Amino acid sequence: MAAPLAPPSPSRRALAVEPFHAMAFAARAAELRAQGHHVVALSLGEPDEGAPPAVLAALHAVTDGRPLPYTPALGLPALREAVARRYRERHGVDVDPRRVVITSGASAALVLVTALVVDPGDDVLMADPSYPCNRQIVRALGGRAVEVPTTPATRYQLSAAAAAAAWTPATRALLVATPSNPTGTTVDPAELAAVCRLARERGAWCVVDEIYLDLADPVDGAPPRSALALDDDAVVIGSFSKHTGMTGWRLGWAVVPERAVEAVERMAANFFICASTPAQHAALAVFTPESLALVEQRRLELLERRALVLDGLGRAGLEVPVAPDGAFYAYVDVSATGLGAWELCERLLAEEHVALTPGRDFGAATAETHVRLSYAASRADLVEGLARLRRFTSRLRPSSS
């Protein structure tokens, strides 16, 4: 009798996916909390306040025992219409609701959009630093993530000139995030228009991650501009998670060109069937006047927290090379401490019970020189965390001198 074969190994695709280090540090922080320590978590981009009360009330109403069947694969028609109306009223862009795809969080939107624009062997240009899951999804679907190093001079964003210089014969798409995770910086509208134009002229897709768009600073008193106002052919990704505090609800969207709707619908039906039905019904209450007023109040509170953070980091002797103007992140240069980013994050968590995210998550260019701090945490946690951080860096100064 032949000896049994060894059990199968995970696929090469599965083994190639890198760890998400922000989640690893969050897990370590949870272990410390379980041991009774007060841990200040400034590592995750999760607002400290949850969904608006009207959304919670809507969820309670819809979970009254009624059937909650699948919605269409592209989402609840009323929710698609509400998202399109928001683009018109907030950003001055007319979007046909047919082009709006409701997804299980922006992550599912990224999967669908990547599957739409990438064939095996295609290149996707993106900034370094950038959100780590972007490159993992591209690679998992057979593409190559071409990470273009950026500097403070371009606000850590992918410029049209840098994209043109990095262009390869296999380039199929550009991926831009504005505001960005991890830097919290936006792309100037003129520069974003140039990026979109470059993609269009060279026959590539322009994908713009706008999940933090409504957390961007106004420009000359006007709301931030969607990429759709600059290029109607751009593919944009949005989310209910960050702006409305609905992270665990897993609800996002994409706006795709008309020619792509049918293909995306087929993929959505096969990959996910649909996004959560109760979450979709409840999310309609995001667009009520009271909910929109509340999330605007929260945005203004984030501005105050940003000022607190930038001041506290300066007092700790740490530099933020480019001040954020959106989202809720500061990308901090820790070179002056004499520690690499990973070692600093490990020691800070072990010694002061403060969790930050090392730059290794976001790309090679700033992997060992920068860390991300999220000021989505409560004001009390920010004050305490900054005090501990200052205490930590003050201990480093005698040895570094």
Protein backbone atom coordinates (compact mmCIF):
# COMPACT_ATOMS: atom_id res chain seq x y z
CA MET A 1 0.00 0.00 0.00
CA ALA A 2 1.45 3.32 -1.02
CA ALA A 3 2.28 5.80 1.71
CA PRO A 4 -0.23 8.66 1.92
CA LEU A 5 0.82 11.84 0.23
CA ALA A 6 1.66 14.88 2.30
CA PRO A 7 -1.32 17.20 2.89
CA PRO A 8 -1.51 19.99 0.31
CA SER A 9 0.17 23.31 1.01
CA PRO A 10 -1.58 26.66 0.71
CA SER A 11 -1.43 28.20 -2.74
CA ARG A 12 1.50 30.37 -3.76
CA ARG A 13 -0.97 33.24 -3.92
CA ALA A 14 -1.95 32.74 -0.29
CA LEU A 15 1.62 32.37 0.90
CA ALA A 16 2.68 35.52 -0.95
CA VAL A 17 0.29 37.78 0.99
CA GLU A 18 2.29 39.78 3.51
CA PRO A 19 1.16 40.40 7.10
CA PHE A 20 -0.86 43.52 7.85
CA HIS A 21 1.40 44.86 10.59
CA ALA A 22 -1.09 47.40 11.93
CA MET A 23 -3.35 44.51 12.88
CA ALA A 24 -0.42 42.65 14.46
CA PHE A 25 0.33 45.60 16.73
CA ALA A 26 -3.37 45.87 17.53
CA ALA A 27 -3.31 42.21 18.59
CA ARG A 28 -0.30 42.84 20.86
CA ALA A 29 -2.11 45.81 22.34
CA ALA A 30 -5.12 43.60 23.05
CA GLU A 31 -2.88 41.11 24.86
CA LEU A 32 -1.53 43.88 27.08
CA ARG A 33 -5.06 45.06 27.85
CA ALA A 34 -6.00 41.52 28.82
CA GLN A 35 -3.12 41.64 31.31
CA GLY A 36 -4.66 44.73 32.90
CA HIS A 37 -2.59 47.47 31.24
CA HIS A 38 -4.06 50.73 29.98
CA VAL A 39 -3.01 50.70 26.35
CA VAL A 40 -3.41 53.81 24.21
CA ALA A 41 -4.09 52.55 20.68
CA LEU A 42 -3.12 55.13 18.08
CA SER A 43 -2.41 52.47 15.47
CA LEU A 44 -5.73 51.82 13.74
CA GLY A 45 -7.83 54.09 11.56
CA GLU A 46 -11.04 53.53 13.44
CA PRO A 47 -13.13 56.50 14.62
CA ASP A 48 -13.86 56.44 18.34
CA GLU A 49 -17.52 57.29 17.72
CA GLY A 50 -19.76 54.87 15.90
CA ALA A 51 -22.60 55.22 13.47
CA PRO A 52 -24.95 58.22 13.81
CA PRO A 53 -28.02 57.61 16.01
CA ALA A 54 -30.37 57.76 13.02
CA VAL A 55 -28.46 54.89 11.41
CA LEU A 56 -28.69 52.80 14.58
CA ALA A 57 -32.42 53.51 14.78
CA ALA A 58 -32.85 52.49 11.15
CA LEU A 59 -31.03 49.22 11.82
CA HIS A 60 -33.28 48.46 14.76
CA ALA A 61 -36.33 49.20 12.63
CA VAL A 62 -35.32 46.91 9.80
CA THR A 63 -34.36 44.01 12.10
CA ASP A 64 -37.91 43.65 13.43
CA GLY A 65 -38.33 40.10 12.16
CA ARG A 66 -39.14 40.92 8.55
CA PRO A 67 -37.40 38.90 5.85
CA LEU A 68 -34.09 40.37 4.76
CA PRO A 69 -33.43 38.80 1.37
CA TYR A 70 -30.50 39.45 -0.91
CA THR A 71 -30.46 42.83 -2.59
CA PRO A 72 -29.42 43.12 -6.25
CA ALA A 73 -25.71 42.42 -6.71
CA LEU A 74 -24.98 46.11 -7.33
CA GLY A 75 -26.84 47.13 -4.20
CA LEU A 76 -30.15 48.49 -2.97
CA PRO A 77 -31.43 50.88 -5.67
CA ALA A 78 -32.39 53.52 -3.11
CA LEU A 79 -28.88 53.46 -1.62
CA ARG A 80 -27.23 53.72 -5.04
CA GLU A 81 -29.44 56.72 -5.75
CA ALA A 82 -28.54 58.28 -2.38
CA VAL A 83 -24.80 57.94 -3.07
CA ALA A 84 -25.24 59.49 -6.51
CA ARG A 85 -27.28 62.34 -5.03
CA ARG A 86 -24.50 62.97 -2.48
CA TYR A 87 -21.97 63.42 -5.29
CA ARG A 88 -24.27 65.95 -6.92
CA GLU A 89 -25.14 67.92 -3.78
CA ARG A 90 -21.75 67.81 -2.06
CA HIS A 91 -19.30 67.66 -4.94
CA GLY A 92 -21.21 69.08 -7.91
CA VAL A 93 -20.85 65.91 -9.99
CA ASP A 94 -23.73 64.27 -11.84
CA VAL A 95 -23.40 60.49 -11.44
CA ASP A 96 -25.89 58.07 -12.94
CA PRO A 97 -26.96 55.77 -10.06
CA ARG A 98 -26.49 52.85 -12.48
CA ARG A 99 -22.72 53.42 -12.16
CA VAL A 100 -22.74 53.11 -8.36
CA VAL A 101 -21.82 49.68 -6.98
CA ILE A 102 -22.54 49.03 -3.28
CA THR A 103 -19.95 46.68 -1.79
CA SER A 104 -19.04 44.86 1.41
CA GLY A 105 -16.76 47.64 2.58
CA ALA A 106 -14.25 49.54 0.46
CA SER A 107 -12.10 46.39 0.60
CA ALA A 108 -14.59 44.53 -1.58
CA ALA A 109 -14.72 47.53 -3.88
CA LEU A 110 -10.93 47.35 -4.23
CA VAL A 111 -11.14 43.65 -5.08
CA LEU A 112 -13.82 44.23 -7.72
CA VAL A 113 -12.08 47.24 -9.23
CA THR A 114 -8.71 45.47 -9.33
CA ALA A 115 -10.32 42.47 -10.99
CA LEU A 116 -11.89 44.88 -13.48
CA VAL A 117 -8.68 46.67 -14.49
CA VAL A 118 -5.89 44.08 -14.07
CA ASP A 119 -4.99 41.00 -16.07
CA PRO A 120 -2.12 38.69 -15.05
CA GLY A 121 1.16 40.38 -15.88
CA ASP A 122 -0.25 43.93 -15.82
CA ASP A 123 1.43 46.69 -13.83
CA VAL A 124 -0.37 49.05 -11.47
CA LEU A 125 1.48 52.21 -10.42
CA MET A 126 0.92 53.45 -6.87
CA ALA A 127 2.66 55.72 -4.40
CA ASP A 128 5.13 54.51 -1.81
CA PRO A 129 3.97 54.95 0.94
CA SER A 130 0.39 53.79 0.41
CA TYR A 131 -2.29 51.55 1.90
CA PRO A 132 -0.77 48.04 2.08
CA CYS A 133 -3.82 46.05 1.02
CA ASN A 134 -3.77 47.71 -2.40
CA ARG A 135 -0.58 46.01 -3.45
CA GLN A 136 -1.61 42.70 -1.89
CA ILE A 137 -4.86 42.63 -3.88
CA VAL A 138 -3.06 43.53 -7.11
CA ARG A 139 -0.53 40.75 -6.59
CA ALA A 140 -3.15 38.20 -5.59
CA LEU A 141 -4.97 38.83 -8.87
CA GLY A 142 -1.80 38.32 -10.89
CA GLY A 143 -0.75 41.91 -11.40
CA ARG A 144 2.45 43.67 -10.37
CA ALA A 145 2.27 46.52 -7.87
CA VAL A 146 4.83 49.10 -9.00
CA GLU A 147 5.49 51.22 -5.94
CA VAL A 148 6.81 54.65 -6.89
CA PRO A 149 8.86 56.30 -4.10
CA THR A 150 7.53 59.72 -3.14
CA THR A 151 8.88 62.57 -1.03
CA PRO A 152 7.55 65.46 1.04
CA ALA A 153 7.97 67.63 -2.07
CA THR A 154 4.99 65.84 -3.65
CA ARG A 155 3.21 65.49 -0.30
CA TYR A 156 3.99 61.75 -0.43
CA GLN A 157 1.60 61.50 -3.37
CA LEU A 158 1.98 60.05 -6.85
CA SER A 159 2.53 62.94 -9.28
CA ALA A 160 1.94 62.82 -13.02
CA ALA A 161 5.67 63.31 -13.62
CA ALA A 162 6.63 60.45 -11.29
CA ALA A 163 4.01 58.19 -12.85
CA ALA A 164 5.27 58.99 -16.35
CA ALA A 165 8.85 58.24 -15.30
CA ALA A 166 7.83 54.90 -13.75
CA TRP A 167 5.61 53.87 -16.66
CA THR A 168 6.28 50.45 -18.15
CA PRO A 169 4.96 48.80 -21.31
CA ALA A 170 2.79 46.64 -19.04
CA THR A 171 1.23 49.55 -17.11
CA ARG A 172 -2.52 49.08 -17.09
CA ALA A 173 -3.68 51.31 -14.23
CA LEU A 174 -2.73 54.12 -11.86
CA LEU A 175 -3.96 53.96 -8.27
CA VAL A 176 -4.14 57.20 -6.28
CA ALA A 177 -5.52 57.78 -2.78
CA THR A 178 -6.58 61.28 -1.80
CA PRO A 179 -6.63 61.85 1.13
CA SER A 180 -4.04 59.17 1.69
CA ASN A 181 -3.56 56.46 4.22
CA PRO A 182 -0.96 56.66 5.86
CA THR A 183 -0.05 60.31 5.29
CA GLY A 184 -3.38 62.10 5.53
CA THR A 185 -2.36 64.27 2.57
CA THR A 186 -4.41 65.18 -0.49
CA VAL A 187 -3.47 65.61 -4.14
CA ASP A 188 -3.89 69.11 -5.51
CA PRO A 189 -6.83 69.08 -7.97
CA ALA A 190 -4.65 70.31 -10.85
CA GLU A 191 -2.14 67.52 -10.18
CA LEU A 192 -4.90 64.92 -9.89
CA ALA A 193 -6.31 66.11 -13.21
CA ALA A 194 -2.84 65.66 -14.73
CA VAL A 195 -2.61 62.12 -13.36
CA CYS A 196 -6.01 61.25 -14.80
CA ARG A 197 -5.06 62.81 -18.13
CA LEU A 198 -1.83 60.79 -18.26
CA ALA A 199 -3.77 57.56 -17.74
CA ARG A 200 -6.34 58.49 -20.37
CA GLU A 201 -3.72 59.48 -22.96
CA ARG A 202 -1.84 56.21 -22.46
CA GLY A 203 -4.89 53.97 -22.50
CA ALA A 204 -4.77 53.03 -18.80
CA TRP A 205 -7.32 53.11 -15.99
CA CYS A 206 -7.18 55.80 -13.31
CA VAL A 207 -8.44 54.45 -9.98
CA VAL A 208 -8.89 56.96 -7.16
CA ASP A 209 -9.45 55.86 -3.57
CA GLU A 210 -11.66 58.57 -2.05
CA ILE A 211 -12.75 56.86 1.14
CA TYR A 212 -11.51 59.85 3.19
CA LEU A 213 -12.78 62.50 0.75
CA ASP A 214 -15.36 63.96 3.13
CA LEU A 215 -12.67 64.19 5.82
CA ALA A 216 -10.51 66.43 3.61
CA ASP A 217 -10.13 70.12 4.35
CA PRO A 218 -12.27 72.50 2.28
CA VAL A 219 -10.45 74.28 -0.55
CA ASP A 220 -11.12 78.04 -0.64
CA GLY A 221 -14.22 77.42 1.43
CA ALA A 222 -15.62 74.82 -0.97
CA PRO A 223 -15.97 71.07 -0.36
CA PRO A 224 -13.08 68.91 -1.59
CA ARG A 225 -13.41 67.87 -5.22
CA SER A 226 -14.02 64.32 -6.27
CA ALA A 227 -11.85 62.92 -9.05
CA LEU A 228 -15.10 62.51 -10.98
CA ALA A 229 -15.26 66.31 -11.25
CA LEU A 230 -11.91 66.18 -13.06
CA ASP A 231 -12.34 63.01 -15.11
CA ASP A 232 -15.74 61.38 -15.54
CA ASP A 233 -13.97 58.22 -16.75
CA ALA A 234 -12.06 57.73 -13.49
CA VAL A 235 -12.98 54.81 -11.22
CA VAL A 236 -13.53 56.00 -7.65
CA ILE A 237 -13.91 54.10 -4.40
CA GLY A 238 -15.84 55.34 -1.38
CA SER A 239 -16.80 54.04 2.03
CA PHE A 240 -19.21 54.51 4.90
CA SER A 241 -16.51 53.40 7.37
CA LYS A 242 -14.40 56.47 8.03
CA HIS A 243 -16.61 59.50 7.47
CA THR A 244 -19.62 58.09 9.31
CA GLY A 245 -17.93 55.82 11.87
CA MET A 246 -19.35 52.61 10.39
CA THR A 247 -16.18 50.51 10.22
CA GLY A 248 -17.65 47.21 11.35
CA TRP A 249 -20.74 47.58 9.16
CA ARG A 250 -18.59 46.71 6.11
CA LEU A 251 -20.25 48.93 3.56
CA GLY A 252 -18.59 50.82 0.72
CA TRP A 253 -19.06 51.63 -2.93
CA ALA A 254 -17.37 52.16 -6.27
CA VAL A 255 -18.36 54.40 -9.15
CA VAL A 256 -17.35 52.85 -12.46
CA PRO A 257 -17.72 53.97 -16.08
CA GLU A 258 -20.91 52.91 -17.83
CA ARG A 259 -19.01 50.47 -20.05
CA ALA A 260 -17.82 48.55 -16.97
CA VAL A 261 -21.11 48.20 -15.08
CA GLU A 262 -22.14 44.86 -16.60
CA ALA A 263 -18.75 43.24 -15.96
CA VAL A 264 -18.66 44.49 -12.37
CA GLU A 265 -22.19 43.25 -11.78
CA ARG A 266 -21.24 39.75 -12.91
CA MET A 267 -18.20 39.71 -10.64
CA ALA A 268 -20.12 41.13 -7.67
CA ALA A 269 -22.80 38.47 -7.99
CA ASN A 270 -20.22 35.68 -8.19
CA PHE A 271 -17.78 36.94 -5.57
CA PHE A 272 -20.12 38.38 -2.91
CA ILE A 273 -23.78 37.96 -4.02
CA CYS A 274 -24.48 41.34 -2.38
CA ALA A 275 -23.49 43.55 0.53
CA SER A 276 -25.28 43.12 3.88
CA THR A 277 -28.99 43.81 3.40
CA PRO A 278 -29.67 45.31 6.88
CA ALA A 279 -26.54 47.46 6.66
CA GLN A 280 -27.66 48.80 3.28
CA HIS A 281 -31.14 49.69 4.54
CA ALA A 282 -29.73 51.36 7.66
CA ALA A 283 -27.15 53.32 5.66
CA LEU A 284 -29.93 55.27 3.98
CA ALA A 285 -30.17 57.20 7.24
CA VAL A 286 -26.60 58.49 6.72
CA PHE A 287 -28.03 60.96 4.21
CA THR A 288 -30.56 62.57 6.55
CA PRO A 289 -29.88 66.20 7.57
CA GLU A 290 -29.28 65.27 11.21
CA SER A 291 -26.74 62.57 10.35
CA LEU A 292 -24.87 64.79 7.91
CA ALA A 293 -24.77 67.60 10.48
CA LEU A 294 -23.37 65.19 13.07
CA VAL A 295 -20.61 63.84 10.86
CA GLU A 296 -19.64 67.41 9.97
CA GLN A 297 -19.33 68.20 13.70
CA ARG A 298 -17.07 65.16 14.03
CA ARG A 299 -14.92 66.37 11.14
CA LEU A 300 -14.42 69.70 12.92
CA GLU A 301 -13.49 67.81 16.09
CA LEU A 302 -10.86 65.91 14.10
CA LEU A 303 -9.33 69.24 13.09
CA GLU A 304 -8.88 70.09 16.77
CA ARG A 305 -7.39 66.68 17.45
CA ARG A 306 -5.02 67.16 14.52
CA ALA A 307 -3.74 70.41 16.02
CA LEU A 308 -3.30 68.71 19.38
CA VAL A 309 -1.35 65.86 17.77
CA LEU A 310 0.96 68.04 15.70
CA ASP A 311 1.77 70.13 18.76
CA GLY A 312 2.36 67.04 20.91
CA LEU A 313 4.62 65.42 18.35
CA GLY A 314 6.67 68.59 18.11
CA ARG A 315 7.08 68.64 21.89
CA ALA A 316 8.28 65.05 21.67
CA GLY A 317 10.95 66.09 19.17
CA LEU A 318 9.31 64.27 16.27
CA GLU A 319 8.82 65.74 12.81
CA VAL A 320 5.79 65.45 10.55
CA PRO A 321 7.35 66.40 7.21
CA VAL A 322 3.96 67.10 5.57
CA ALA A 323 1.06 68.23 7.72
CA PRO A 324 -2.07 66.21 6.96
CA ASP A 325 -5.01 67.98 5.36
CA GLY A 326 -7.44 65.08 5.36
CA ALA A 327 -8.28 61.70 6.90
CA PHE A 328 -7.00 61.32 10.49
CA TYR A 329 -3.37 60.28 10.21
CA ALA A 330 0.01 61.88 10.82
CA TYR A 331 3.00 60.28 9.12
CA VAL A 332 5.87 60.85 11.52
CA ASP A 333 9.59 60.82 10.75
CA VAL A 334 11.28 59.09 13.70
CA SER A 335 14.84 59.21 12.34
CA ALA A 336 15.92 61.68 15.02
CA THR A 337 15.31 59.09 17.75
CA GLY A 338 18.12 56.87 16.51
CA LEU A 339 15.70 53.94 16.35
CA GLY A 340 14.26 52.23 13.33
CA ALA A 341 10.49 52.50 12.99
CA TRP A 342 9.85 48.87 13.86
CA GLU A 343 12.03 48.91 16.96
CA LEU A 344 10.49 52.18 18.09
CA CYS A 345 6.97 50.78 17.78
CA GLU A 346 7.91 47.61 19.62
CA ARG A 347 9.62 49.45 22.45
CA LEU A 348 6.94 52.13 22.74
CA LEU A 349 4.26 49.48 23.09
CA ALA A 350 6.28 47.42 25.59
CA GLU A 351 7.56 50.32 27.70
CA GLU A 352 4.78 52.90 27.52
CA HIS A 353 1.81 50.87 26.23
CA VAL A 354 1.24 53.13 23.24
CA ALA A 355 0.51 51.48 19.87
CA LEU A 356 1.61 53.09 16.61
CA THR A 357 2.02 51.52 13.16
CA PRO A 358 5.52 51.14 11.68
CA GLY A 359 6.17 52.30 8.14
CA ARG A 360 6.87 48.74 6.99
CA ASP A 361 3.17 48.35 6.25
CA PHE A 362 3.15 51.16 3.72
CA GLY A 363 6.12 50.50 1.45
CA ALA A 364 9.91 50.28 1.29
CA ALA A 365 10.79 53.94 0.92
CA THR A 366 9.82 54.95 4.46
CA ALA A 367 9.70 51.51 6.09
CA GLU A 368 12.33 52.20 8.76
CA THR A 369 12.10 55.98 9.07
CA HIS A 370 8.39 56.67 9.58
CA VAL A 371 5.46 55.60 11.72
CA ARG A 372 1.76 56.32 11.36
CA LEU A 373 -0.25 57.84 14.18
CA SER A 374 -4.04 57.79 13.97
CA TYR A 375 -5.85 60.64 15.69
CA ALA A 376 -9.22 58.94 15.26
CA ALA A 377 -8.81 57.93 18.93
CA SER A 378 -10.56 59.90 21.66
CA ARG A 379 -9.14 63.22 22.76
CA ALA A 380 -8.39 61.78 26.20
CA ASP A 381 -6.39 58.93 24.68
CA LEU A 382 -4.52 61.34 22.43
CA VAL A 383 -3.49 63.53 25.37
CA GLU A 384 -2.35 60.52 27.37
CA GLY A 385 -0.63 58.85 24.43
CA LEU A 386 1.29 61.98 23.48
CA ALA A 387 2.44 62.45 27.09
CA ARG A 388 3.75 58.87 27.14
CA LEU A 389 5.39 59.34 23.75
CA ARG A 390 7.16 62.47 24.96
CA ARG A 391 8.36 60.60 28.04
CA PHE A 392 9.67 57.82 25.82
CA THR A 393 11.58 60.09 23.44
CA SER A 394 13.02 62.09 26.34
CA ARG A 395 14.66 58.87 27.60
CA LEU A 396 16.29 58.38 24.19
CA ARG A 397 17.90 61.80 23.96
CA PRO A 398 20.83 61.33 26.36
CA SER A 399 22.00 58.15 24.59
CA SER A 400 21.51 59.66 21.11
CA SER A 401 23.53 62.74 22.05
